[in-house]
Amino acid sequence: MIMHIRRLPHHAAVAAATTSSALLNAVYANRGVTADTEVTPGLAALEPAQQLRGVDAAVSLLEQQVRAGGHILIIGDYDADGATGSALAVRGLRALGAAQVSYLVPSRFAFGYGLTPAVVDVAAKQQPALIVTVDNGISSAAAVTRAHELGIPVLITDHHLSSQQLPAAAAIVNPNQPGCDFPSKFLSGVGVMFYLLAALRSRLRETGWFTAKRPEPNLTDFLDLVALGTVADVVPLDRNNRILVEQGLRRIRAGRACPGVLALFQIAGREVKRANAADLGFFIAPRLNAAGRLEEMSLGVECLLTDDPARAQVFAQDLDQLNRRRHTIESEMKQQADVLLAALNLHQTTLPPAFCLYGDDWHQGVLGIIAARIRERYHRPVIAFADSGDGRLRGSGRSIDAVHLRDAVAQVAQDAPGLVEHFGGHAMAAGLTLRIEDFLQFKALFHSAVAAQLGAIAPEPEILSDGALPPQLLTLETAELLHLAQPWGRNFPTPCFDDCFEIAQARIVGERHLKLRVTTAAGQPIDAIGFNLAEDLPLAVGRVQLAYQIGVNDYRGVRSPQLLVQAIQSI
């Protein structure tokens, strides 16, 4: 592949660094962070909850039920953000003194996404005094109306973008609702719930609720859940989210996470004491998500709720088995998608603005992953659809930075009223439902909506590089420092470097991965691996340019630095 590398503004400082600490300062500067207080700000630097529109009304609703001992029913989404948010809500409200708190995570296969009238009917059988949504609800006007008909007030907590008509809920807490001045618009669903619990605790403290027999809880004990859900949802790591994730990781490393999180680390073979955001995103979250993708997310929520380490281990093992099954399904669906794409005779210079793919027997729970894989290959927005068995298609999409996916779907809904039955999401991901017979019309309109956002210039993948890493800093110390430095993620990317190397050895390992032995210009040898880059083996000859991250290779207890190759190009 052709590498389009854009070096970040402080790449010269990176190249001139003589110590790991100087390197780290230059890396932070490339991400717009220069002051020491901004590198590792504490919880006191979080934006205040009072800026969230609707938080006072939401707190009043919760306080009333906490004091009255009313039944609070949490209705969460079926992904990792929804699961962690649901577990946080149950744990947090119980810790604050709520006598009756239960949860319901609707099956994606029976009900689809979000709060629907059918879900409300199921919830009503539990006779709740208050329904509280987590990570959903902002587009659920009909469901809220149904709850009102049944005499159940609804408190919506969400972070997704809203439609023009807000639900007539008793209260809404969502940083992205119209008129909300909360400056951090990238809170995850679990992040919104953490803020709401903190605001409720303040109200209860002011009104004398806590006593010697009912002590005030330390909500920071739940930050492991906040960190996991925030990373899993791939929201941008702005300053506020970095604080939440960094503080949560501190607690995980100290062994202070809930038994379910610790069990998932163990089953995934990750070291708790060295936990970082990548562990959460690539090893823990997929196992948690597997429950919602293949069965029901209640298994994941129960894993996060139990205080019994032995039960947590059983739940973690079940989730691991589901994740293995998910891998198999994903592999089969990816092969089918490759056949569909091959029939299009695609060429990089004539790619369509977007892809809409539909497999007759595709699994609804794996659509988002398939969409993400195709997006990574072609750098185009992708929506993958599956037959829901009722004459409708359910789609899950993933996008690129240049295209706001939810806005594109909203444009289709505006251009062809009634075509899209239900949709929701944000810039990088969205879900929707439409009739099978409307697939081709939707595809055409979606392509047009994406093309309008892209303009005349076709998007090309771009690698952001911190610059050339000095050879003397290609060390285990540097790798360890960057591993544990600041949580890296979307909009605060893992440090990436680029330079020229000589290929000493190259081979394929694990069928899909490119294993290299390279030497620097100074003759320094170092190992490198490019995950899923097996097709680039013909390029791994002679002198090459590599874009890479620096990681740690732990082989039989021996730790050494290793280049994690992101792209390779012949020179």
Protein backbone atom coordinates (compact mmCIF):
# COMPACT_ATOMS: atom_id res chain seq x y z
CA MET A 1 0.00 0.00 0.00
CA ILE A 2 1.07 3.61 -0.49
CA MET A 3 1.70 5.35 2.79
CA HIS A 4 0.32 8.83 3.20
CA ILE A 5 2.22 10.01 6.25
CA ARG A 6 1.59 13.35 7.86
CA ARG A 7 4.07 14.28 10.51
CA LEU A 8 2.64 16.13 13.48
CA PRO A 9 3.86 19.67 14.31
CA HIS A 10 6.42 18.75 16.98
CA HIS A 11 8.16 15.98 15.03
CA ALA A 12 11.46 17.86 15.19
CA ALA A 13 11.35 17.77 18.99
CA VAL A 14 10.74 14.02 18.80
CA ALA A 15 13.76 13.51 16.55
CA ALA A 16 15.91 15.67 18.84
CA ALA A 17 14.89 13.93 22.08
CA THR A 18 17.75 12.39 24.02
CA THR A 19 15.73 10.97 26.92
CA SER A 20 12.45 9.11 27.23
CA SER A 21 10.93 11.93 29.27
CA ALA A 22 11.84 14.50 26.59
CA LEU A 23 10.32 12.20 23.99
CA LEU A 24 7.10 11.89 25.99
CA ASN A 25 6.84 15.67 26.34
CA ALA A 26 7.19 16.05 22.56
CA VAL A 27 4.55 13.35 21.99
CA TYR A 28 2.15 15.14 24.32
CA ALA A 29 2.86 18.43 22.55
CA ASN A 30 1.86 16.77 19.26
CA ARG A 31 -1.53 16.15 20.89
CA GLY A 32 -1.94 19.70 22.09
CA VAL A 33 -0.97 19.02 25.70
CA THR A 34 1.91 21.08 27.03
CA ALA A 35 1.28 22.04 30.67
CA ASP A 36 2.20 19.47 33.32
CA THR A 37 -1.23 19.85 34.89
CA GLU A 38 -2.81 18.86 31.58
CA VAL A 39 -0.75 15.68 31.20
CA THR A 40 -2.17 13.88 34.23
CA PRO A 41 -5.03 16.02 35.61
CA GLY A 42 -6.89 14.61 38.60
CA LEU A 43 -10.59 14.08 39.14
CA ALA A 44 -10.94 17.63 40.47
CA ALA A 45 -10.30 18.84 36.90
CA LEU A 46 -13.44 17.13 35.54
CA GLU A 47 -16.07 19.40 34.07
CA PRO A 48 -18.82 20.08 36.66
CA ALA A 49 -22.01 18.06 36.43
CA GLN A 50 -24.14 21.18 36.91
CA GLN A 51 -23.46 22.12 33.28
CA LEU A 52 -25.41 19.10 32.06
CA ARG A 53 -28.85 20.19 30.95
CA GLY A 54 -31.59 18.34 32.80
CA VAL A 55 -29.36 17.03 35.58
CA ASP A 56 -31.29 18.77 38.37
CA ALA A 57 -34.61 17.32 37.22
CA ALA A 58 -32.99 13.89 36.84
CA VAL A 59 -31.52 14.05 40.34
CA SER A 60 -34.91 15.02 41.79
CA LEU A 61 -36.53 11.99 40.14
CA LEU A 62 -33.89 9.65 41.50
CA GLU A 63 -33.84 11.22 44.96
CA GLN A 64 -37.59 10.76 45.26
CA GLN A 65 -37.34 7.05 44.47
CA VAL A 66 -34.28 6.50 46.66
CA ARG A 67 -36.02 8.06 49.66
CA ALA A 68 -39.34 6.30 48.98
CA GLY A 69 -37.76 2.91 48.32
CA GLY A 70 -39.34 2.85 44.87
CA HIS A 71 -38.41 0.35 42.18
CA ILE A 72 -35.88 1.85 39.73
CA LEU A 73 -35.52 -0.16 36.53
CA ILE A 74 -32.39 0.40 34.44
CA ILE A 75 -32.77 -0.27 30.70
CA GLY A 76 -29.39 -0.44 28.98
CA ASP A 77 -27.98 -0.98 25.53
CA TYR A 78 -26.54 -4.35 24.52
CA ASP A 79 -22.95 -3.22 23.88
CA ALA A 80 -20.03 -2.80 26.30
CA ASP A 81 -20.86 0.85 26.96
CA GLY A 82 -24.45 -0.08 27.79
CA ALA A 83 -23.37 -3.05 29.91
CA THR A 84 -20.85 -1.08 31.96
CA GLY A 85 -23.33 1.79 32.27
CA SER A 86 -26.08 -0.55 33.45
CA ALA A 87 -23.77 -2.21 35.98
CA LEU A 88 -22.60 1.21 37.17
CA ALA A 89 -26.18 2.42 37.59
CA VAL A 90 -27.17 -0.65 39.62
CA ARG A 91 -24.02 -0.63 41.75
CA GLY A 92 -24.05 3.13 42.22
CA LEU A 93 -27.72 3.49 43.13
CA ARG A 94 -27.52 0.61 45.57
CA ALA A 95 -24.43 2.17 47.15
CA LEU A 96 -26.33 5.47 47.47
CA GLY A 97 -29.10 3.74 49.39
CA ALA A 98 -31.68 2.76 46.77
CA ALA A 99 -33.62 -0.24 48.06
CA GLN A 100 -34.97 -1.60 44.77
CA VAL A 101 -32.79 -1.43 41.65
CA SER A 102 -33.01 -3.91 38.80
CA TYR A 103 -31.99 -3.87 35.15
CA LEU A 104 -33.20 -4.99 31.76
CA VAL A 105 -31.04 -5.24 28.65
CA PRO A 106 -33.32 -6.04 25.69
CA SER A 107 -32.14 -8.63 23.19
CA ARG A 108 -31.01 -7.13 19.91
CA PHE A 109 -32.65 -10.06 18.12
CA ALA A 110 -36.08 -9.73 19.75
CA PHE A 111 -36.34 -5.95 20.04
CA GLY A 112 -33.58 -4.27 18.07
CA TYR A 113 -31.77 -1.20 19.32
CA GLY A 114 -32.92 1.07 22.11
CA LEU A 115 -36.05 1.72 24.10
CA THR A 116 -39.10 0.70 22.06
CA PRO A 117 -42.81 0.42 22.94
CA ALA A 118 -42.41 -3.37 23.03
CA VAL A 119 -39.55 -3.05 25.52
CA VAL A 120 -41.67 -0.75 27.68
CA ASP A 121 -44.44 -3.36 27.73
CA VAL A 122 -41.94 -5.96 28.94
CA ALA A 123 -40.55 -3.54 31.53
CA ALA A 124 -44.04 -2.71 32.81
CA LYS A 125 -44.49 -6.31 33.98
CA GLN A 126 -41.83 -5.60 36.63
CA GLN A 127 -43.95 -2.67 37.93
CA PRO A 128 -41.17 -0.06 38.09
CA ALA A 129 -41.75 3.32 39.70
CA LEU A 130 -39.15 4.84 37.35
CA ILE A 131 -37.44 3.70 34.15
CA VAL A 132 -33.88 4.95 33.66
CA THR A 133 -32.24 4.41 30.29
CA VAL A 134 -28.49 4.04 29.89
CA ASP A 135 -26.75 4.67 26.55
CA ASN A 136 -30.07 4.85 24.69
CA GLY A 137 -33.43 6.55 24.62
CA ILE A 138 -32.76 9.90 22.97
CA SER A 139 -34.55 8.73 19.79
CA SER A 140 -37.31 6.80 21.58
CA ALA A 141 -40.27 9.21 21.48
CA ALA A 142 -42.83 6.47 20.84
CA ALA A 143 -41.54 4.33 23.69
CA VAL A 144 -41.68 7.22 26.16
CA THR A 145 -45.24 7.93 25.07
CA ARG A 146 -46.10 4.28 25.74
CA ALA A 147 -44.52 4.47 29.20
CA HIS A 148 -46.61 7.55 29.97
CA GLU A 149 -49.76 5.65 28.94
CA LEU A 150 -48.79 3.02 31.49
CA GLY A 151 -48.10 5.62 34.17
CA ILE A 152 -44.32 5.05 34.30
CA PRO A 153 -42.02 8.11 34.24
CA VAL A 154 -38.88 7.81 32.14
CA LEU A 155 -35.46 9.33 32.84
CA ILE A 156 -33.26 9.21 29.73
CA THR A 157 -29.48 9.16 30.01
CA ASP A 158 -27.75 8.94 26.65
CA HIS A 159 -24.91 10.41 24.62
CA HIS A 160 -26.05 9.79 21.06
CA LEU A 161 -27.18 12.60 18.79
CA SER A 162 -30.85 13.45 19.04
CA SER A 163 -33.48 13.65 16.35
CA GLN A 164 -35.49 16.81 15.82
CA GLN A 165 -38.23 15.59 18.17
CA LEU A 166 -37.01 14.87 21.70
CA PRO A 167 -38.95 12.29 23.71
CA ALA A 168 -41.37 13.77 26.26
CA ALA A 169 -39.42 12.19 29.10
CA ALA A 170 -39.60 13.29 32.72
CA ALA A 171 -35.93 14.26 32.40
CA ILE A 172 -33.15 13.92 29.84
CA VAL A 173 -29.42 13.98 30.56
CA ASN A 174 -27.39 13.96 27.36
CA PRO A 175 -24.47 16.29 26.59
CA ASN A 176 -25.52 16.22 22.92
CA GLN A 177 -29.14 17.27 23.36
CA PRO A 178 -30.03 20.75 22.05
CA GLY A 179 -29.32 23.51 24.53
CA CYS A 180 -26.85 21.57 26.67
CA ASP A 181 -23.78 23.65 27.52
CA PHE A 182 -21.67 20.81 28.88
CA PRO A 183 -18.30 21.40 27.16
CA SER A 184 -17.26 17.75 26.79
CA LYS A 185 -19.57 16.42 24.09
CA PHE A 186 -17.81 13.06 23.90
CA LEU A 187 -18.95 11.42 27.13
CA SER A 188 -19.86 7.77 26.69
CA GLY A 189 -23.10 6.35 28.05
CA VAL A 190 -21.34 5.07 31.16
CA GLY A 191 -19.68 8.48 31.55
CA VAL A 192 -23.08 10.21 31.57
CA MET A 193 -24.31 7.81 34.24
CA PHE A 194 -21.20 8.45 36.37
CA TYR A 195 -21.91 12.17 36.25
CA LEU A 196 -25.55 11.64 37.19
CA LEU A 197 -24.61 9.47 40.17
CA ALA A 198 -22.10 12.09 41.32
CA ALA A 199 -24.78 14.78 41.12
CA LEU A 200 -27.25 12.58 43.01
CA ARG A 201 -24.69 11.95 45.74
CA SER A 202 -24.17 15.70 46.15
CA ARG A 203 -27.93 16.25 46.53
CA LEU A 204 -28.27 13.43 49.06
CA ARG A 205 -25.31 14.77 51.01
CA GLU A 206 -26.83 18.26 51.13
CA THR A 207 -30.15 16.91 52.37
CA GLY A 208 -28.69 14.78 55.17
CA TRP A 209 -29.34 11.36 53.68
CA PHE A 210 -26.03 9.82 54.69
CA THR A 211 -25.54 8.72 58.30
CA ALA A 212 -23.20 6.51 60.31
CA LYS A 213 -25.42 3.55 59.44
CA ARG A 214 -25.74 4.64 55.82
CA PRO A 215 -22.27 5.97 54.92
CA GLU A 216 -21.57 8.03 51.84
CA PRO A 217 -20.05 5.86 49.10
CA ASN A 218 -16.86 6.65 47.21
CA LEU A 219 -18.00 6.66 43.59
CA THR A 220 -14.42 6.56 42.33
CA ASP A 221 -14.51 2.87 43.28
CA PHE A 222 -16.58 2.38 40.11
CA LEU A 223 -14.19 4.10 37.71
CA ASP A 224 -12.97 0.76 36.35
CA LEU A 225 -16.41 0.40 34.75
CA VAL A 226 -16.29 3.97 33.43
CA ALA A 227 -12.85 3.45 31.89
CA LEU A 228 -13.89 0.16 30.25
CA GLY A 229 -17.11 1.54 28.75
CA THR A 230 -15.46 4.75 27.57
CA VAL A 231 -12.65 2.95 25.75
CA ALA A 232 -14.98 0.26 24.38
CA ASP A 233 -17.26 2.85 22.76
CA VAL A 234 -14.29 4.44 20.94
CA VAL A 235 -15.38 7.96 21.88
CA PRO A 236 -12.75 10.67 21.41
CA LEU A 237 -10.39 10.91 24.36
CA ASP A 238 -10.75 14.61 25.05
CA ARG A 239 -9.39 15.98 28.33
CA ASN A 240 -12.45 14.96 30.31
CA ASN A 241 -12.51 11.39 29.01
CA ARG A 242 -8.76 11.02 29.48
CA ILE A 243 -9.22 11.85 33.15
CA LEU A 244 -11.95 9.24 33.55
CA VAL A 245 -10.00 6.54 31.71
CA GLU A 246 -6.66 7.31 33.38
CA GLN A 247 -8.19 7.26 36.85
CA GLY A 248 -10.03 4.03 36.09
CA LEU A 249 -6.85 2.39 34.82
CA ARG A 250 -5.07 3.38 38.03
CA ARG A 251 -7.65 1.47 40.02
CA ILE A 252 -7.45 -1.56 37.75
CA ARG A 253 -3.65 -1.65 38.03
CA ALA A 254 -3.97 -1.47 41.81
CA GLY A 255 -6.25 -4.54 41.76
CA ARG A 256 -9.24 -2.45 42.88
CA ALA A 257 -11.51 -3.29 39.95
CA CYS A 258 -14.69 -5.31 40.39
CA PRO A 259 -14.23 -9.11 40.31
CA GLY A 260 -15.76 -9.33 36.83
CA VAL A 261 -13.23 -6.98 35.28
CA LEU A 262 -10.35 -8.77 37.03
CA ALA A 263 -11.68 -12.12 35.81
CA LEU A 264 -11.88 -10.86 32.23
CA PHE A 265 -8.27 -9.70 32.44
CA GLN A 266 -7.26 -13.17 33.63
CA ILE A 267 -9.20 -15.07 30.97
CA ALA A 268 -7.75 -12.75 28.30
CA GLY A 269 -4.20 -13.35 29.53
CA ARG A 270 -3.58 -9.67 30.25
CA GLU A 271 -1.52 -8.42 33.19
CA VAL A 272 -3.64 -6.32 35.54
CA LYS A 273 -0.64 -4.42 36.94
CA ARG A 274 0.22 -3.17 33.44
CA ALA A 275 -3.34 -2.52 32.24
CA ASN A 276 -3.72 0.15 29.59
CA ALA A 277 -6.44 1.39 27.28
CA ALA A 278 -5.48 -1.08 24.54
CA ASP A 279 -6.13 -3.97 26.93
CA LEU A 280 -9.63 -2.63 27.54
CA GLY A 281 -10.36 -1.97 23.87
CA PHE A 282 -8.88 -5.06 22.24
CA PHE A 283 -9.11 -7.79 24.88
CA ILE A 284 -11.71 -7.02 27.56
CA ALA A 285 -14.42 -5.18 25.61
CA PRO A 286 -14.71 -7.79 22.80
CA ARG A 287 -15.38 -10.52 25.35
CA LEU A 288 -18.00 -8.39 27.05
CA ASN A 289 -19.55 -7.42 23.71
CA ALA A 290 -19.78 -11.05 22.64
CA ALA A 291 -22.73 -11.58 24.99
CA GLY A 292 -24.79 -8.85 23.32
CA ARG A 293 -23.71 -9.89 19.85
CA LEU A 294 -24.60 -13.58 20.07
CA GLU A 295 -27.02 -14.02 22.97
CA GLU A 296 -28.09 -11.50 25.62
CA MET A 297 -25.98 -8.87 27.38
CA SER A 298 -27.39 -9.86 30.77
CA LEU A 299 -24.50 -12.32 31.01
CA GLY A 300 -22.03 -9.45 30.67
CA VAL A 301 -23.89 -7.27 33.16
CA GLU A 302 -24.02 -10.11 35.69
CA CYS A 303 -20.26 -10.55 35.29
CA LEU A 304 -19.78 -6.89 36.20
CA LEU A 305 -22.27 -6.98 39.08
CA THR A 306 -21.12 -10.01 41.03
CA ASP A 307 -18.89 -9.51 44.06
CA ASP A 308 -17.99 -13.22 44.15
CA PRO A 309 -14.64 -13.86 42.40
CA ALA A 310 -15.55 -17.49 41.73
CA ARG A 311 -18.82 -16.55 40.00
CA ALA A 312 -16.96 -13.84 38.10
CA GLN A 313 -14.57 -16.49 36.76
CA VAL A 314 -17.49 -18.60 35.52
CA PHE A 315 -19.05 -15.61 33.79
CA ALA A 316 -15.70 -14.64 32.24
CA GLN A 317 -15.22 -18.17 30.90
CA ASP A 318 -18.69 -18.12 29.34
CA LEU A 319 -17.97 -14.75 27.74
CA ASP A 320 -14.66 -16.01 26.41
CA GLN A 321 -16.40 -18.99 24.77
CA LEU A 322 -18.94 -16.64 23.17
CA ASN A 323 -16.11 -14.49 21.87
CA ARG A 324 -14.45 -17.51 20.28
CA ARG A 325 -17.73 -18.34 18.60
CA ARG A 326 -18.02 -14.76 17.44
CA HIS A 327 -14.57 -15.03 15.83
CA THR A 328 -15.72 -18.05 13.82
CA ILE A 329 -18.91 -16.35 12.64
CA GLU A 330 -16.98 -13.20 11.77
CA SER A 331 -14.50 -15.16 9.68
CA GLU A 332 -17.27 -16.82 7.69
CA MET A 333 -19.11 -13.55 7.12
CA LYS A 334 -15.91 -11.81 6.08
CA GLN A 335 -15.29 -14.47 3.42
CA GLN A 336 -18.82 -13.94 2.08
CA ALA A 337 -18.29 -10.17 2.08
CA ASP A 338 -15.05 -10.65 0.13
CA VAL A 339 -17.01 -12.54 -2.54
CA LEU A 340 -19.55 -9.70 -2.80
CA LEU A 341 -16.78 -7.12 -3.04
CA ALA A 342 -14.83 -9.12 -5.62
CA ALA A 343 -17.90 -9.15 -7.86
CA LEU A 344 -17.79 -5.36 -7.93
CA ASN A 345 -14.33 -5.34 -9.62
CA LEU A 346 -13.13 -2.61 -7.31
CA HIS A 347 -10.14 -0.43 -8.06
CA GLN A 348 -8.73 2.12 -5.66
CA THR A 349 -9.19 4.94 -8.18
CA THR A 350 -12.85 4.10 -8.85
CA LEU A 351 -14.16 3.12 -5.43
CA PRO A 352 -17.74 4.12 -4.62
CA PRO A 353 -18.23 6.78 -1.94
CA ALA A 354 -19.57 4.14 0.45
CA PHE A 355 -20.51 0.48 0.72
CA CYS A 356 -23.87 -1.11 1.57
CA LEU A 357 -23.69 -4.90 1.81
CA TYR A 358 -26.37 -7.45 2.58
CA GLY A 359 -25.87 -11.14 3.30
CA ASP A 360 -28.88 -13.47 3.26
CA ASP A 361 -27.75 -15.39 6.33
CA TRP A 362 -25.49 -12.88 8.07
CA HIS A 363 -25.57 -12.72 11.85
CA GLN A 364 -26.99 -9.45 13.19
CA GLY A 365 -24.60 -9.39 16.12
CA VAL A 366 -21.45 -9.29 13.99
CA LEU A 367 -22.51 -6.69 11.41
CA GLY A 368 -20.62 -3.82 13.04
CA ILE A 369 -17.38 -5.78 13.06
CA ILE A 370 -17.74 -6.70 9.38
CA ALA A 371 -18.46 -3.06 8.54
CA ALA A 372 -15.34 -2.00 10.45
CA ARG A 373 -13.14 -4.55 8.67
CA ILE A 374 -14.26 -3.41 5.21
CA ARG A 375 -13.87 0.25 6.21
CA GLU A 376 -10.28 -0.44 7.26
CA ARG A 377 -9.51 -2.04 3.91
CA TYR A 378 -11.10 0.52 1.60
CA HIS A 379 -11.30 3.66 3.77
CA ARG A 380 -14.94 4.22 2.99
CA PRO A 381 -18.08 4.31 5.18
CA VAL A 382 -19.73 0.89 5.32
CA ILE A 383 -23.16 -0.33 6.39
CA ALA A 384 -23.67 -4.09 6.65
CA PHE A 385 -27.23 -5.46 6.76
CA ALA A 386 -28.79 -8.70 7.95
CA ASP A 387 -32.30 -10.10 7.59
CA SER A 388 -34.14 -9.74 10.91
CA GLY A 389 -36.70 -12.36 9.90
CA ASP A 390 -39.71 -10.06 9.84
CA GLY A 391 -39.37 -8.56 6.37
CA ARG A 392 -36.85 -5.98 7.57
CA LEU A 393 -33.13 -5.45 7.41
CA ARG A 394 -31.13 -4.29 10.39
CA GLY A 395 -27.95 -2.47 9.54
CA SER A 396 -24.85 -1.50 11.46
CA GLY A 397 -22.41 1.02 10.02
CA ARG A 398 -18.91 2.31 10.65
CA SER A 399 -17.45 5.46 9.16
CA ILE A 400 -14.26 7.41 8.51
CA ASP A 401 -13.31 10.82 9.88
CA ALA A 402 -14.43 12.59 6.71
CA VAL A 403 -18.05 11.36 6.92
CA HIS A 404 -20.55 11.89 9.73
CA LEU A 405 -22.43 8.61 9.47
CA ARG A 406 -25.54 9.45 11.47
CA ASP A 407 -25.98 12.68 9.52
CA ALA A 408 -25.72 10.74 6.25
CA VAL A 409 -28.46 8.33 7.35
CA ALA A 410 -30.54 11.26 8.61
CA GLN A 411 -30.21 12.88 5.18
CA VAL A 412 -31.60 9.73 3.56
CA ALA A 413 -34.49 9.73 6.04
CA GLN A 414 -35.19 13.36 5.17
CA ASP A 415 -34.98 12.84 1.40
CA ALA A 416 -37.24 9.78 1.46
CA PRO A 417 -39.64 9.98 4.42
CA GLY A 418 -40.60 6.55 5.72
CA LEU A 419 -37.75 4.74 3.98
CA VAL A 420 -35.70 4.39 7.17
CA GLU A 421 -37.96 3.07 9.90
CA HIS A 422 -35.59 3.67 12.80
CA PHE A 423 -32.03 4.91 13.15
CA GLY A 424 -29.58 6.34 15.64
CA GLY A 425 -25.89 6.76 16.32
CA HIS A 426 -23.12 9.31 15.99
CA ALA A 427 -20.34 10.39 13.66
CA MET A 428 -18.43 7.12 13.46
CA ALA A 429 -21.15 4.49 13.98
CA ALA A 430 -24.87 4.13 13.37
CA GLY A 431 -27.62 1.55 13.32
CA LEU A 432 -30.85 1.46 11.33
CA THR A 433 -33.83 -0.60 10.23
CA LEU A 434 -35.54 -0.66 6.83
CA ARG A 435 -37.73 -2.93 4.73
CA ILE A 436 -35.96 -5.52 2.59
CA GLU A 437 -37.56 -4.21 -0.61
CA ASP A 438 -36.14 -0.74 0.10
CA PHE A 439 -32.49 -1.84 0.25
CA LEU A 440 -31.49 -0.71 -3.25
CA GLN A 441 -33.21 2.66 -2.89
CA PHE A 442 -31.51 3.23 0.45
CA LYS A 443 -28.16 2.24 -1.02
CA ALA A 444 -28.45 4.79 -3.82
CA LEU A 445 -29.55 7.60 -1.53
CA PHE A 446 -26.91 6.75 1.06
CA HIS A 447 -24.17 6.86 -1.57
CA SER A 448 -25.44 10.30 -2.62
CA ALA A 449 -25.52 11.57 0.97
CA VAL A 450 -21.96 10.39 1.59
CA ALA A 451 -20.73 11.83 -1.71
CA ALA A 452 -22.22 15.21 -0.74
CA GLN A 453 -20.18 15.18 2.47
CA LEU A 454 -16.97 14.07 0.75
CA GLY A 455 -17.07 16.55 -2.11
CA ALA A 456 -14.87 16.07 -5.15
CA ILE A 457 -11.79 14.71 -3.37
CA ALA A 458 -11.78 10.97 -2.63
CA PRO A 459 -10.67 10.20 0.94
CA GLU A 460 -7.33 8.49 1.41
CA PRO A 461 -6.08 6.80 4.58
CA GLU A 462 -3.56 8.91 6.40
CA ILE A 463 -1.04 7.89 9.03
CA LEU A 464 -0.27 10.53 11.62
CA SER A 465 3.36 10.24 12.67
CA ASP A 466 5.13 11.79 15.64
CA GLY A 467 8.28 11.74 13.49
CA ALA A 468 11.48 9.72 13.46
CA LEU A 469 12.26 8.07 16.79
CA PRO A 470 15.96 8.50 17.67
CA PRO A 471 17.68 5.06 17.47
CA GLN A 472 19.03 5.40 21.01
CA LEU A 473 15.43 5.56 22.26
CA LEU A 474 14.40 2.29 20.58
CA THR A 475 14.54 0.74 24.04
CA LEU A 476 12.45 -1.25 26.48
CA GLU A 477 12.35 1.82 28.74
CA THR A 478 10.70 3.88 25.99
CA ALA A 479 8.24 1.12 25.19
CA GLU A 480 7.27 0.75 28.85
CA LEU A 481 6.94 4.51 29.33
CA LEU A 482 4.64 4.95 26.35
CA HIS A 483 2.66 1.85 27.34
CA LEU A 484 1.74 3.27 30.73
CA ALA A 485 1.85 7.00 29.98
CA GLN A 486 -1.54 8.48 29.15
CA PRO A 487 -4.54 6.53 27.90
CA TRP A 488 -4.29 6.56 24.12
CA GLY A 489 -7.33 6.34 21.89
CA ARG A 490 -9.45 8.15 19.35
CA ASN A 491 -8.36 11.81 18.91
CA PHE A 492 -5.46 11.10 21.31
CA PRO A 493 -3.70 8.41 19.30
CA THR A 494 -1.06 5.94 20.36
CA PRO A 495 2.39 7.38 19.51
CA CYS A 496 3.40 6.40 15.99
CA PHE A 497 6.79 6.97 14.35
CA ASP A 498 8.22 6.56 10.86
CA ASP A 499 11.73 5.91 9.60
CA CYS A 500 13.82 3.89 7.17
CA PHE A 501 15.10 0.39 7.99
CA GLU A 502 16.93 -2.45 6.29
CA ILE A 503 15.08 -5.78 6.16
CA ALA A 504 17.19 -8.62 7.57
CA GLN A 505 14.48 -11.29 7.77
CA ALA A 506 10.81 -11.49 6.76
CA ARG A 507 8.27 -14.28 7.13
CA ILE A 508 4.57 -14.96 7.75
CA VAL A 509 3.41 -16.10 11.18
CA GLY A 510 -0.09 -17.12 12.22
CA GLU A 511 -1.17 -17.01 8.54
CA ARG A 512 -2.00 -13.27 8.63
CA HIS A 513 0.92 -11.53 10.33
CA LEU A 514 4.21 -10.21 8.94
CA LYS A 515 7.20 -10.97 11.18
CA LEU A 516 10.35 -8.93 10.52
CA ARG A 517 13.88 -8.49 11.74
CA VAL A 518 15.16 -5.04 10.74
CA THR A 519 18.20 -2.87 11.33
CA THR A 520 18.38 0.89 11.83
CA ALA A 521 20.64 3.21 9.85
CA ALA A 522 23.14 2.81 12.70
CA GLY A 523 23.08 -0.97 12.30
CA GLN A 524 20.98 -1.61 15.41
CA PRO A 525 18.84 -4.78 15.02
CA ILE A 526 15.28 -4.94 16.33
CA ASP A 527 12.28 -7.24 15.91
CA ALA A 528 9.08 -6.03 14.28
CA ILE A 529 5.65 -7.45 13.57
CA GLY A 530 2.82 -6.23 11.36
CA PHE A 531 -0.49 -7.70 12.45
CA ASN A 532 -2.75 -8.58 9.50
CA LEU A 533 -0.07 -7.37 7.05
CA ALA A 534 0.80 -10.76 5.52
CA GLU A 535 -0.11 -9.49 2.05
CA ASP A 536 2.75 -6.97 2.30
CA LEU A 537 5.44 -9.67 2.42
CA PRO A 538 6.62 -8.87 -1.17
CA LEU A 539 7.44 -5.34 0.01
CA ALA A 540 9.65 -6.54 2.84
CA VAL A 541 12.89 -6.60 0.85
CA GLY A 542 15.95 -4.38 1.12
CA ARG A 543 15.43 -0.85 2.36
CA VAL A 544 11.92 0.11 3.45
CA GLN A 545 10.05 2.87 5.20
CA LEU A 546 8.02 1.77 8.20
CA ALA A 547 5.29 3.52 10.12
CA TYR A 548 5.28 1.88 13.53
CA GLN A 549 4.45 1.99 17.20
CA ILE A 550 6.89 0.70 19.78
CA GLY A 551 5.69 -2.09 22.02
CA VAL A 552 6.93 -4.74 24.41
CA ASN A 553 7.53 -8.34 23.36
CA ASP A 554 7.25 -10.67 26.36
CA TYR A 555 8.60 -14.06 25.26
CA ARG A 556 9.10 -16.70 27.95
CA GLY A 557 9.61 -14.02 30.56
CA VAL A 558 12.16 -12.06 28.53
CA ARG A 559 10.96 -8.53 27.76
CA SER A 560 12.32 -6.62 24.78
CA PRO A 561 11.25 -3.70 22.57
CA GLN A 562 9.41 -4.52 19.36
CA LEU A 563 8.17 -2.43 16.45
CA LEU A 564 4.44 -2.77 15.81
CA VAL A 565 4.31 -2.05 12.08
CA GLN A 566 1.31 -0.05 10.88
CA ALA A 567 2.41 0.20 7.24
CA ILE A 568 5.38 -0.69 5.04
CA GLN A 569 6.64 0.81 1.81
CA SER A 570 9.57 -0.04 -0.44
CA ILE A 571 12.19 2.64 -1.04
